[in-house]
Amino acid sequence: MNKILFFLFTFVFSIQLFAQVGSIRGFVYEEASGEPAMFSNVVLDGTKIGTVTDGNGFFNLSQVPVGTYTISVSYIGYDGISSSV
């Protein structure tokens, strides 16, 4: 009986650990022209989480732990920008 309870507790606890992450998705556009900022860098400051936008300016940061972050976008030839998420 104790082994079964231990297994159930461990299983339920491990599921909750996996549920504590999320995703941040969005698009990056050039302010002046409104065109997508293709292949710009998107990074969460203070972490090793980052990605590059695709041809439509879309990015997806996955496996982001719950919390408040500052997201930074940089693009060659443009000033970088940061925002709190």
PDB file of N, CA and C in Angstrom:
ATOM      1  N   MET A   1       0.826  -1.195   0.000  1.00  0.00           N
ATOM      2  CA  MET A   1       0.000   0.000   0.000  1.00  0.00           C
ATOM      3  C   MET A   1       0.865   1.252   0.000  1.00  0.00           C
ATOM      4  N   ASN A   2       1.914   1.268   0.817  1.00  0.00           N
ATOM      5  CA  ASN A   2       2.786   2.434   0.878  1.00  0.00           C
ATOM      6  C   ASN A   2       3.498   2.674  -0.446  1.00  0.00           C
ATOM      7  N   LYS A   3       3.865   1.589  -1.140  1.00  0.00           N
ATOM      8  CA  LYS A   3       4.533   1.730  -2.429  1.00  0.00           C
ATOM      9  C   LYS A   3       3.604   2.360  -3.458  1.00  0.00           C
ATOM     10  N   ILE A   4       2.344   1.981  -3.421  1.00  0.00           N
ATOM     11  CA  ILE A   4       1.372   2.544  -4.360  1.00  0.00           C
ATOM     12  C   ILE A   4       1.167   4.028  -4.078  1.00  0.00           C
ATOM     13  N   LEU A   5       1.011   4.399  -2.819  1.00  0.00           N
ATOM     14  CA  LEU A   5       0.846   5.808  -2.471  1.00  0.00           C
ATOM     15  C   LEU A   5       2.076   6.622  -2.847  1.00  0.00           C
ATOM     16  N   PHE A   6       3.260   6.057  -2.604  1.00  0.00           N
ATOM     17  CA  PHE A   6       4.497   6.743  -2.973  1.00  0.00           C
ATOM     18  C   PHE A   6       4.565   6.958  -4.486  1.00  0.00           C
ATOM     19  N   PHE A   7       4.208   5.932  -5.269  1.00  0.00           N
ATOM     20  CA  PHE A   7       4.215   6.044  -6.722  1.00  0.00           C
ATOM     21  C   PHE A   7       3.232   7.109  -7.193  1.00  0.00           C
ATOM     22  N   LEU A   8       2.019   7.097  -6.662  1.00  0.00           N
ATOM     23  CA  LEU A   8       1.016   8.087  -7.049  1.00  0.00           C
ATOM     24  C   LEU A   8       1.463   9.503  -6.695  1.00  0.00           C
ATOM     25  N   PHE A   9       2.012   9.690  -5.493  1.00  0.00           N
ATOM     26  CA  PHE A   9       2.497  10.999  -5.080  1.00  0.00           C
ATOM     27  C   PHE A   9       3.614  11.475  -6.003  1.00  0.00           C
ATOM     28  N   THR A  10       4.559  10.606  -6.312  1.00  0.00           N
ATOM     29  CA  THR A  10       5.671  10.960  -7.194  1.00  0.00           C
ATOM     30  C   THR A  10       5.174  11.299  -8.589  1.00  0.00           C
ATOM     31  N   PHE A  11       4.236  10.532  -9.100  1.00  0.00           N
ATOM     32  CA  PHE A  11       3.697  10.764 -10.435  1.00  0.00           C
ATOM     33  C   PHE A  11       2.977  12.105 -10.510  1.00  0.00           C
ATOM     34  N   VAL A  12       2.109  12.384  -9.554  1.00  0.00           N
ATOM     35  CA  VAL A  12       1.358  13.649  -9.546  1.00  0.00           C
ATOM     36  C   VAL A  12       2.304  14.828  -9.369  1.00  0.00           C
ATOM     37  N   PHE A  13       3.280  14.713  -8.492  1.00  0.00           N
ATOM     38  CA  PHE A  13       4.232  15.796  -8.265  1.00  0.00           C
ATOM     39  C   PHE A  13       5.060  16.082  -9.511  1.00  0.00           C
ATOM     40  N   SER A  14       5.464  15.046 -10.252  1.00  0.00           N
ATOM     41  CA  SER A  14       6.268  15.256 -11.449  1.00  0.00           C
ATOM     42  C   SER A  14       5.452  15.927 -12.546  1.00  0.00           C
ATOM     43  N   ILE A  15       4.164  15.630 -12.630  1.00  0.00           N
ATOM     44  CA  ILE A  15       3.305  16.290 -13.615  1.00  0.00           C
ATOM     45  C   ILE A  15       3.214  17.783 -13.305  1.00  0.00           C
ATOM     46  N   GLN A  16       3.111  18.153 -12.047  1.00  0.00           N
ATOM     47  CA  GLN A  16       3.028  19.558 -11.677  1.00  0.00           C
ATOM     48  C   GLN A  16       4.319  20.293 -12.002  1.00  0.00           C
ATOM     49  N   LEU A  17       5.442  19.633 -11.910  1.00  0.00           N
ATOM     50  CA  LEU A  17       6.706  20.290 -12.256  1.00  0.00           C
ATOM     51  C   LEU A  17       6.754  20.646 -13.731  1.00  0.00           C
ATOM     52  N   PHE A  18       6.248  19.772 -14.575  1.00  0.00           N
ATOM     53  CA  PHE A  18       6.255  20.043 -16.006  1.00  0.00           C
ATOM     54  C   PHE A  18       5.267  21.135 -16.382  1.00  0.00           C
ATOM     55  N   ALA A  19       4.275  21.389 -15.568  1.00  0.00           N
ATOM     56  CA  ALA A  19       3.242  22.369 -15.887  1.00  0.00           C
ATOM     57  C   ALA A  19       3.661  23.796 -15.555  1.00  0.00           C
ATOM     58  N   GLN A  20       4.833  24.008 -15.015  1.00  0.00           N
ATOM     59  CA  GLN A  20       5.247  25.334 -14.569  1.00  0.00           C
ATOM     60  C   GLN A  20       6.043  26.106 -15.627  1.00  0.00           C
ATOM     61  N   VAL A  21       5.817  25.844 -16.886  1.00  0.00           N
ATOM     62  CA  VAL A  21       6.482  26.567 -17.961  1.00  0.00           C
ATOM     63  C   VAL A  21       5.440  27.047 -18.961  1.00  0.00           C
ATOM     64  N   GLY A  22       5.826  27.997 -19.787  1.00  0.00           N
ATOM     65  CA  GLY A  22       4.908  28.529 -20.778  1.00  0.00           C
ATOM     66  C   GLY A  22       5.654  28.951 -22.027  1.00  0.00           C
ATOM     67  N   SER A  23       4.967  29.661 -22.885  1.00  0.00           N
ATOM     68  CA  SER A  23       5.531  30.154 -24.137  1.00  0.00           C
ATOM     69  C   SER A  23       5.258  31.644 -24.277  1.00  0.00           C
ATOM     70  N   ILE A  24       6.155  32.315 -24.939  1.00  0.00           N
ATOM     71  CA  ILE A  24       5.956  33.722 -25.309  1.00  0.00           C
ATOM     72  C   ILE A  24       6.069  33.767 -26.820  1.00  0.00           C
ATOM     73  N   ARG A  25       5.009  34.226 -27.477  1.00  0.00           N
ATOM     74  CA  ARG A  25       4.982  34.288 -28.937  1.00  0.00           C
ATOM     75  C   ARG A  25       4.590  35.680 -29.388  1.00  0.00           C
ATOM     76  N   GLY A  26       5.051  36.043 -30.572  1.00  0.00           N
ATOM     77  CA  GLY A  26       4.669  37.345 -31.095  1.00  0.00           C
ATOM     78  C   GLY A  26       5.320  37.641 -32.425  1.00  0.00           C
ATOM     79  N   PHE A  27       5.120  38.847 -32.893  1.00  0.00           N
ATOM     80  CA  PHE A  27       5.683  39.311 -34.150  1.00  0.00           C
ATOM     81  C   PHE A  27       6.519  40.549 -33.890  1.00  0.00           C
ATOM     82  N   VAL A  28       7.554  40.742 -34.706  1.00  0.00           N
ATOM     83  CA  VAL A  28       8.399  41.928 -34.637  1.00  0.00           C
ATOM     84  C   VAL A  28       8.278  42.639 -35.982  1.00  0.00           C
ATOM     85  N   TYR A  29       7.935  43.932 -35.916  1.00  0.00           N
ATOM     86  CA  TYR A  29       7.780  44.736 -37.125  1.00  0.00           C
ATOM     87  C   TYR A  29       8.676  45.960 -37.053  1.00  0.00           C
ATOM     88  N   GLU A  30       9.113  46.457 -38.220  1.00  0.00           N
ATOM     89  CA  GLU A  30       9.863  47.705 -38.292  1.00  0.00           C
ATOM     90  C   GLU A  30       8.877  48.841 -38.057  1.00  0.00           C
ATOM     91  N   GLU A  31       9.253  49.765 -37.179  1.00  0.00           N
ATOM     92  CA  GLU A  31       8.334  50.832 -36.804  1.00  0.00           C
ATOM     93  C   GLU A  31       8.014  51.764 -37.975  1.00  0.00           C
ATOM     94  N   ALA A  32       9.019  52.129 -38.746  1.00  0.00           N
ATOM     95  CA  ALA A  32       8.814  53.120 -39.813  1.00  0.00           C
ATOM     96  C   ALA A  32       7.970  52.577 -40.959  1.00  0.00           C
ATOM     97  N   SER A  33       8.263  51.362 -41.412  1.00  0.00           N
ATOM     98  CA  SER A  33       7.588  50.840 -42.599  1.00  0.00           C
ATOM     99  C   SER A  33       6.461  49.860 -42.286  1.00  0.00           C
ATOM    100  N   GLY A  34       6.467  49.279 -41.095  1.00  0.00           N
ATOM    101  CA  GLY A  34       5.464  48.279 -40.752  1.00  0.00           C
ATOM    102  C   GLY A  34       5.767  46.904 -41.315  1.00  0.00           C
ATOM    103  N   GLU A  35       6.906  46.753 -41.968  1.00  0.00           N
ATOM    104  CA  GLU A  35       7.313  45.470 -42.533  1.00  0.00           C
ATOM    105  C   GLU A  35       7.822  44.543 -41.429  1.00  0.00           C
ATOM    106  N   PRO A  36       7.701  43.223 -41.610  1.00  0.00           N
ATOM    107  CA  PRO A  36       8.243  42.290 -40.613  1.00  0.00           C
ATOM    108  C   PRO A  36       9.759  42.429 -40.495  1.00  0.00           C
ATOM    109  N   ALA A  37      10.257  42.372 -39.277  1.00  0.00           N
ATOM    110  CA  ALA A  37      11.705  42.422 -39.032  1.00  0.00           C
ATOM    111  C   ALA A  37      12.228  40.991 -39.093  1.00  0.00           C
ATOM    112  N   MET A  38      12.554  40.548 -40.299  1.00  0.00           N
ATOM    113  CA  MET A  38      12.994  39.175 -40.516  1.00  0.00           C
ATOM    114  C   MET A  38      14.347  38.925 -39.863  1.00  0.00           C
ATOM    115  N   PHE A  39      14.467  37.780 -39.231  1.00  0.00           N
ATOM    116  CA  PHE A  39      15.725  37.282 -38.669  1.00  0.00           C
ATOM    117  C   PHE A  39      16.320  38.202 -37.602  1.00  0.00           C
ATOM    118  N   SER A  40      15.465  38.858 -36.828  1.00  0.00           N
ATOM    119  CA  SER A  40      15.955  39.646 -35.701  1.00  0.00           C
ATOM    120  C   SER A  40      16.073  38.742 -34.473  1.00  0.00           C
ATOM    121  N   ASN A  41      16.923  39.117 -33.531  1.00  0.00           N
ATOM    122  CA  ASN A  41      17.179  38.324 -32.334  1.00  0.00           C
ATOM    123  C   ASN A  41      16.209  38.723 -31.223  1.00  0.00           C
ATOM    124  N   VAL A  42      15.612  37.729 -30.574  1.00  0.00           N
ATOM    125  CA  VAL A  42      14.690  37.939 -29.461  1.00  0.00           C
ATOM    126  C   VAL A  42      15.231  37.149 -28.278  1.00  0.00           C
ATOM    127  N   VAL A  43      15.490  37.835 -27.154  1.00  0.00           N
ATOM    128  CA  VAL A  43      16.121  37.201 -25.996  1.00  0.00           C
ATOM    129  C   VAL A  43      15.411  37.635 -24.717  1.00  0.00           C
ATOM    130  N   LEU A  44      15.289  36.701 -23.758  1.00  0.00           N
ATOM    131  CA  LEU A  44      14.836  37.047 -22.416  1.00  0.00           C
ATOM    132  C   LEU A  44      16.065  37.399 -21.601  1.00  0.00           C
ATOM    133  N   ASP A  45      16.168  38.649 -21.170  1.00  0.00           N
ATOM    134  CA  ASP A  45      17.336  39.108 -20.416  1.00  0.00           C
ATOM    135  C   ASP A  45      17.519  38.295 -19.139  1.00  0.00           C
ATOM    136  N   GLY A  46      18.762  37.957 -18.844  1.00  0.00           N
ATOM    137  CA  GLY A  46      19.083  37.217 -17.633  1.00  0.00           C
ATOM    138  C   GLY A  46      18.879  35.719 -17.748  1.00  0.00           C
ATOM    139  N   THR A  47      18.541  35.233 -18.937  1.00  0.00           N
ATOM    140  CA  THR A  47      18.366  33.799 -19.158  1.00  0.00           C
ATOM    141  C   THR A  47      19.151  33.395 -20.401  1.00  0.00           C
ATOM    142  N   LYS A  48      19.132  32.119 -20.694  1.00  0.00           N
ATOM    143  CA  LYS A  48      19.729  31.610 -21.923  1.00  0.00           C
ATOM    144  C   LYS A  48      18.656  31.301 -22.961  1.00  0.00           C
ATOM    145  N   ILE A  49      17.477  31.874 -22.768  1.00  0.00           N
ATOM    146  CA  ILE A  49      16.353  31.619 -23.668  1.00  0.00           C
ATOM    147  C   ILE A  49      16.314  32.701 -24.729  1.00  0.00           C
ATOM    148  N   GLY A  50      16.342  32.281 -25.987  1.00  0.00           N
ATOM    149  CA  GLY A  50      16.297  33.229 -27.090  1.00  0.00           C
ATOM    150  C   GLY A  50      15.995  32.521 -28.390  1.00  0.00           C
ATOM    151  N   THR A  51      15.676  33.305 -29.404  1.00  0.00           N
ATOM    152  CA  THR A  51      15.371  32.756 -30.716  1.00  0.00           C
ATOM    153  C   THR A  51      15.566  33.831 -31.773  1.00  0.00           C
ATOM    154  N   VAL A  52      15.314  33.461 -33.019  1.00  0.00           N
ATOM    155  CA  VAL A  52      15.395  34.378 -34.157  1.00  0.00           C
ATOM    156  C   VAL A  52      14.034  34.377 -34.837  1.00  0.00           C
ATOM    157  N   THR A  53      13.574  35.545 -35.279  1.00  0.00           N
ATOM    158  CA  THR A  53      12.285  35.614 -35.970  1.00  0.00           C
ATOM    159  C   THR A  53      12.394  34.975 -37.347  1.00  0.00           C
ATOM    160  N   ASP A  54      11.258  34.530 -37.860  1.00  0.00           N
ATOM    161  CA  ASP A  54      11.240  33.926 -39.190  1.00  0.00           C
ATOM    162  C   ASP A  54      11.009  34.999 -40.260  1.00  0.00           C
ATOM    163  N   GLY A  55      10.701  34.582 -41.462  1.00  0.00           N
ATOM    164  CA  GLY A  55      10.498  35.511 -42.569  1.00  0.00           C
ATOM    165  C   GLY A  55       9.304  36.427 -42.405  1.00  0.00           C
ATOM    166  N   ASN A  56       8.370  36.071 -41.524  1.00  0.00           N
ATOM    167  CA  ASN A  56       7.194  36.897 -41.257  1.00  0.00           C
ATOM    168  C   ASN A  56       7.338  37.720 -39.987  1.00  0.00           C
ATOM    169  N   GLY A  57       8.522  37.668 -39.350  1.00  0.00           N
ATOM    170  CA  GLY A  57       8.751  38.398 -38.111  1.00  0.00           C
ATOM    171  C   GLY A  57       8.219  37.684 -36.887  1.00  0.00           C
ATOM    172  N   PHE A  58       7.793  36.421 -37.022  1.00  0.00           N
ATOM    173  CA  PHE A  58       7.210  35.654 -35.913  1.00  0.00           C
ATOM    174  C   PHE A  58       8.305  35.013 -35.075  1.00  0.00           C
ATOM    175  N   PHE A  59       8.102  35.006 -33.736  1.00  0.00           N
ATOM    176  CA  PHE A  59       9.011  34.307 -32.834  1.00  0.00           C
ATOM    177  C   PHE A  59       8.206  33.511 -31.822  1.00  0.00           C
ATOM    178  N   ASN A  60       8.828  32.460 -31.282  1.00  0.00           N
ATOM    179  CA  ASN A  60       8.206  31.611 -30.262  1.00  0.00           C
ATOM    180  C   ASN A  60       9.279  31.204 -29.265  1.00  0.00           C
ATOM    181  N   LEU A  61       9.169  31.699 -28.044  1.00  0.00           N
ATOM    182  CA  LEU A  61      10.068  31.298 -26.961  1.00  0.00           C
ATOM    183  C   LEU A  61       9.321  30.262 -26.133  1.00  0.00           C
ATOM    184  N   SER A  62       9.799  29.014 -26.145  1.00  0.00           N
ATOM    185  CA  SER A  62       9.111  27.954 -25.417  1.00  0.00           C
ATOM    186  C   SER A  62       9.901  27.559 -24.176  1.00  0.00           C
ATOM    187  N   GLN A  63       9.247  26.809 -23.313  1.00  0.00           N
ATOM    188  CA  GLN A  63       9.835  26.323 -22.063  1.00  0.00           C
ATOM    189  C   GLN A  63      10.298  27.477 -21.165  1.00  0.00           C
ATOM    190  N   VAL A  64       9.486  28.536 -21.087  1.00  0.00           N
ATOM    191  CA  VAL A  64       9.797  29.696 -20.257  1.00  0.00           C
ATOM    192  C   VAL A  64       9.196  29.481 -18.870  1.00  0.00           C
ATOM    193  N   PRO A  65      10.029  29.454 -17.820  1.00  0.00           N
ATOM    194  CA  PRO A  65       9.490  29.308 -16.462  1.00  0.00           C
ATOM    195  C   PRO A  65       8.594  30.495 -16.090  1.00  0.00           C
ATOM    196  N   VAL A  66       7.646  30.262 -15.209  1.00  0.00           N
ATOM    197  CA  VAL A  66       6.718  31.297 -14.774  1.00  0.00           C
ATOM    198  C   VAL A  66       7.495  32.429 -14.114  1.00  0.00           C
ATOM    199  N   GLY A  67       7.151  33.664 -14.435  1.00  0.00           N
ATOM    200  CA  GLY A  67       7.802  34.813 -13.837  1.00  0.00           C
ATOM    201  C   GLY A  67       7.662  36.046 -14.708  1.00  0.00           C
ATOM    202  N   THR A  68       8.296  37.115 -14.276  1.00  0.00           N
ATOM    203  CA  THR A  68       8.318  38.369 -15.024  1.00  0.00           C
ATOM    204  C   THR A  68       9.696  38.531 -15.640  1.00  0.00           C
ATOM    205  N   TYR A  69       9.740  38.875 -16.919  1.00  0.00           N
ATOM    206  CA  TYR A  69      10.992  38.971 -17.651  1.00  0.00           C
ATOM    207  C   TYR A  69      11.049  40.266 -18.447  1.00  0.00           C
ATOM    208  N   THR A  70      12.254  40.607 -18.880  1.00  0.00           N
ATOM    209  CA  THR A  70      12.445  41.677 -19.843  1.00  0.00           C
ATOM    210  C   THR A  70      12.856  41.027 -21.152  1.00  0.00           C
ATOM    211  N   ILE A  71      12.085  41.290 -22.195  1.00  0.00           N
ATOM    212  CA  ILE A  71      12.369  40.729 -23.504  1.00  0.00           C
ATOM    213  C   ILE A  71      13.070  41.796 -24.331  1.00  0.00           C
ATOM    214  N   SER A  72      14.155  41.420 -24.989  1.00  0.00           N
ATOM    215  CA  SER A  72      14.930  42.362 -25.805  1.00  0.00           C
ATOM    216  C   SER A  72      14.969  41.887 -27.246  1.00  0.00           C
ATOM    217  N   VAL A  73      14.821  42.842 -28.156  1.00  0.00           N
ATOM    218  CA  VAL A  73      14.875  42.552 -29.591  1.00  0.00           C
ATOM    219  C   VAL A  73      15.971  43.391 -30.202  1.00  0.00           C
ATOM    220  N   SER A  74      16.836  42.742 -30.987  1.00  0.00           N
ATOM    221  CA  SER A  74      17.894  43.481 -31.693  1.00  0.00           C
ATOM    222  C   SER A  74      17.880  43.069 -33.157  1.00  0.00           C
ATOM    223  N   TYR A  75      18.246  44.026 -34.000  1.00  0.00           N
ATOM    224  CA  TYR A  75      18.207  43.834 -35.445  1.00  0.00           C
ATOM    225  C   TYR A  75      19.332  44.666 -36.031  1.00  0.00           C
ATOM    226  N   ILE A  76      20.116  44.088 -36.908  1.00  0.00           N
ATOM    227  CA  ILE A  76      21.280  44.784 -37.475  1.00  0.00           C
ATOM    228  C   ILE A  76      20.827  46.072 -38.171  1.00  0.00           C
ATOM    229  N   GLY A  77      21.485  47.171 -37.825  1.00  0.00           N
ATOM    230  CA  GLY A  77      21.183  48.462 -38.428  1.00  0.00           C
ATOM    231  C   GLY A  77      20.092  49.241 -37.709  1.00  0.00           C
ATOM    232  N   TYR A  78      19.521  48.689 -36.647  1.00  0.00           N
ATOM    233  CA  TYR A  78      18.457  49.338 -35.899  1.00  0.00           C
ATOM    234  C   TYR A  78      18.820  49.378 -34.414  1.00  0.00           C
ATOM    235  N   ASP A  79      18.209  50.315 -33.697  1.00  0.00           N
ATOM    236  CA  ASP A  79      18.367  50.350 -32.247  1.00  0.00           C
ATOM    237  C   ASP A  79      17.586  49.188 -31.639  1.00  0.00           C
ATOM    238  N   GLY A  80      18.126  48.605 -30.567  1.00  0.00           N
ATOM    239  CA  GLY A  80      17.429  47.535 -29.863  1.00  0.00           C
ATOM    240  C   GLY A  80      16.301  48.102 -29.031  1.00  0.00           C
ATOM    241  N   ILE A  81      15.384  47.243 -28.640  1.00  0.00           N
ATOM    242  CA  ILE A  81      14.256  47.658 -27.811  1.00  0.00           C
ATOM    243  C   ILE A  81      13.996  46.577 -26.767  1.00  0.00           C
ATOM    244  N   SER A  82      13.542  46.991 -25.593  1.00  0.00           N
ATOM    245  CA  SER A  82      13.230  46.063 -24.505  1.00  0.00           C
ATOM    246  C   SER A  82      11.849  46.367 -23.959  1.00  0.00           C
ATOM    247  N   SER A  83      11.209  45.305 -23.434  1.00  0.00           N
ATOM    248  CA  SER A  83       9.884  45.465 -22.852  1.00  0.00           C
ATOM    249  C   SER A  83       9.702  44.421 -21.759  1.00  0.00           C
ATOM    250  N   SER A  84       8.941  44.756 -20.737  1.00  0.00           N
ATOM    251  CA  SER A  84       8.668  43.829 -19.649  1.00  0.00           C
ATOM    252  C   SER A  84       7.481  42.934 -20.016  1.00  0.00           C
ATOM    253  N   VAL A  85       7.639  41.627 -19.778  1.00  0.00           N
ATOM    254  CA  VAL A  85       6.547  40.666 -20.034  1.00  0.00           C
ATOM    255  C   VAL A  85       6.352  39.798 -18.813  1.00  0.00           C
TER     256      VAL A  85
END
